[in-house]
Amino acid sequence: MTRTPQAPAPAPPVHLGPVHLGTEIRRIRQEQGISQRRLARLAGVDRASLRRFEEGQSRGNLQLVEAVADALGYELELMFRGFAGGFPLHPPVPE
């Protein structure tokens, strides 16, 4: 009796897992070389609130996220659209 070789099972999809939006904002802020204090000032938000959000101690609120996104040069809608899949955010493409 001869056996026919079976094809290997396909690799499971890679799941990055949930990424906290605050963590991504910190990454973007650091990539842009902006201090937490400066970003808070540019966004018009309390630095302690921004710190808690970046560290995952707070979920923040829409006003904080919108102000920070704007200060970083992101449109809020694009930020959430890019983030929805749990993948890192990338800067918007200039028109």
Protein backbone atom coordinates (compact mmCIF):
# COMPACT_ATOMS: atom_id res chain seq x y z
CA MET A 1 0.00 0.00 0.00
CA THR A 2 1.48 3.34 -1.00
CA ARG A 3 0.71 6.56 0.77
CA THR A 4 0.29 9.80 -1.04
CA PRO A 5 2.03 12.69 0.72
CA GLN A 6 -0.30 15.21 2.25
CA ALA A 7 0.24 18.89 1.74
CA PRO A 8 1.31 20.69 4.91
CA ALA A 9 -1.41 22.55 6.73
CA PRO A 10 -1.47 26.28 5.95
CA ALA A 11 0.15 28.47 8.56
CA PRO A 12 -2.33 30.15 10.88
CA PRO A 13 -2.82 33.88 10.35
CA VAL A 14 -0.61 36.09 12.45
CA HIS A 15 -2.59 38.03 15.02
CA LEU A 16 -0.85 41.01 16.53
CA GLY A 17 -3.33 41.22 19.37
CA PRO A 18 -4.94 44.35 20.63
CA VAL A 19 -2.76 47.42 20.77
CA HIS A 20 -3.79 50.25 23.04
CA LEU A 21 -4.32 53.47 21.09
CA GLY A 22 -2.31 55.36 23.72
CA THR A 23 0.69 53.12 23.02
CA GLU A 24 0.48 53.93 19.33
CA ILE A 25 0.17 57.64 20.06
CA ARG A 26 3.31 57.45 22.21
CA ARG A 27 5.15 55.64 19.40
CA ILE A 28 4.11 58.29 16.87
CA ARG A 29 5.01 61.11 19.26
CA GLN A 30 8.46 59.64 19.84
CA GLU A 31 9.01 59.04 16.10
CA GLN A 32 8.25 62.72 15.52
CA GLY A 33 10.67 63.72 18.30
CA ILE A 34 8.00 65.48 20.35
CA SER A 35 8.12 65.41 24.13
CA GLN A 36 5.03 64.50 26.09
CA ARG A 37 4.98 68.00 27.60
CA ARG A 38 5.14 69.64 24.16
CA LEU A 39 2.43 67.41 22.69
CA ALA A 40 0.15 68.15 25.62
CA ARG A 41 0.73 71.88 25.10
CA LEU A 42 0.17 71.64 21.30
CA ALA A 43 -3.02 69.63 21.84
CA GLY A 44 -4.26 71.83 24.67
CA VAL A 45 -4.66 68.88 27.04
CA ASP A 46 -3.41 68.18 30.54
CA ARG A 47 -0.02 66.44 30.50
CA ALA A 48 -1.04 64.06 33.30
CA SER A 49 -4.08 62.97 31.26
CA LEU A 50 -1.89 62.38 28.21
CA ARG A 51 0.62 60.38 30.30
CA ARG A 52 -2.12 58.17 31.78
CA PHE A 53 -3.57 57.62 28.30
CA GLU A 54 -0.21 56.69 26.77
CA GLU A 55 0.55 54.30 29.63
CA GLY A 56 -2.84 52.58 29.32
CA GLN A 57 -4.02 53.73 32.74
CA SER A 58 -6.86 55.67 31.12
CA ARG A 59 -8.98 55.12 28.03
CA GLY A 60 -9.00 58.86 27.46
CA ASN A 61 -11.94 60.50 25.78
CA LEU A 62 -12.83 61.59 22.28
CA GLN A 63 -11.76 65.19 22.87
CA LEU A 64 -8.30 64.11 24.08
CA VAL A 65 -7.79 61.70 21.18
CA GLU A 66 -9.01 64.25 18.64
CA ALA A 67 -6.78 67.02 20.00
CA VAL A 68 -3.72 64.76 20.12
CA ALA A 69 -4.37 63.34 16.64
CA ASP A 70 -4.64 66.87 15.25
CA ALA A 71 -1.44 67.96 17.01
CA LEU A 72 0.39 64.97 15.53
CA GLY A 73 -0.91 65.72 12.03
CA TYR A 74 -3.46 62.91 11.82
CA GLU A 75 -7.12 63.15 10.94
CA LEU A 76 -9.16 61.45 13.63
CA GLU A 77 -11.09 59.31 11.14
CA LEU A 78 -7.90 58.07 9.47
CA MET A 79 -6.34 57.36 12.84
CA PHE A 80 -9.19 55.09 13.87
CA ARG A 81 -9.45 53.49 10.44
CA GLY A 82 -5.75 52.63 10.46
CA PHE A 83 -5.91 51.44 14.04
CA ALA A 84 -9.05 49.31 13.73
CA GLY A 85 -7.14 46.20 12.68
CA GLY A 86 -4.65 46.41 15.51
CA PHE A 87 -1.85 47.37 13.15
CA PRO A 88 0.51 50.28 13.76
CA LEU A 89 -0.58 53.62 12.42
CA HIS A 90 1.27 55.29 9.60
CA PRO A 91 1.38 58.98 8.75
CA PRO A 92 -1.28 60.20 6.33
CA VAL A 93 -0.20 60.40 2.71
CA PRO A 94 0.09 64.03 1.53
CA GLU A 95 -2.37 64.96 -1.18
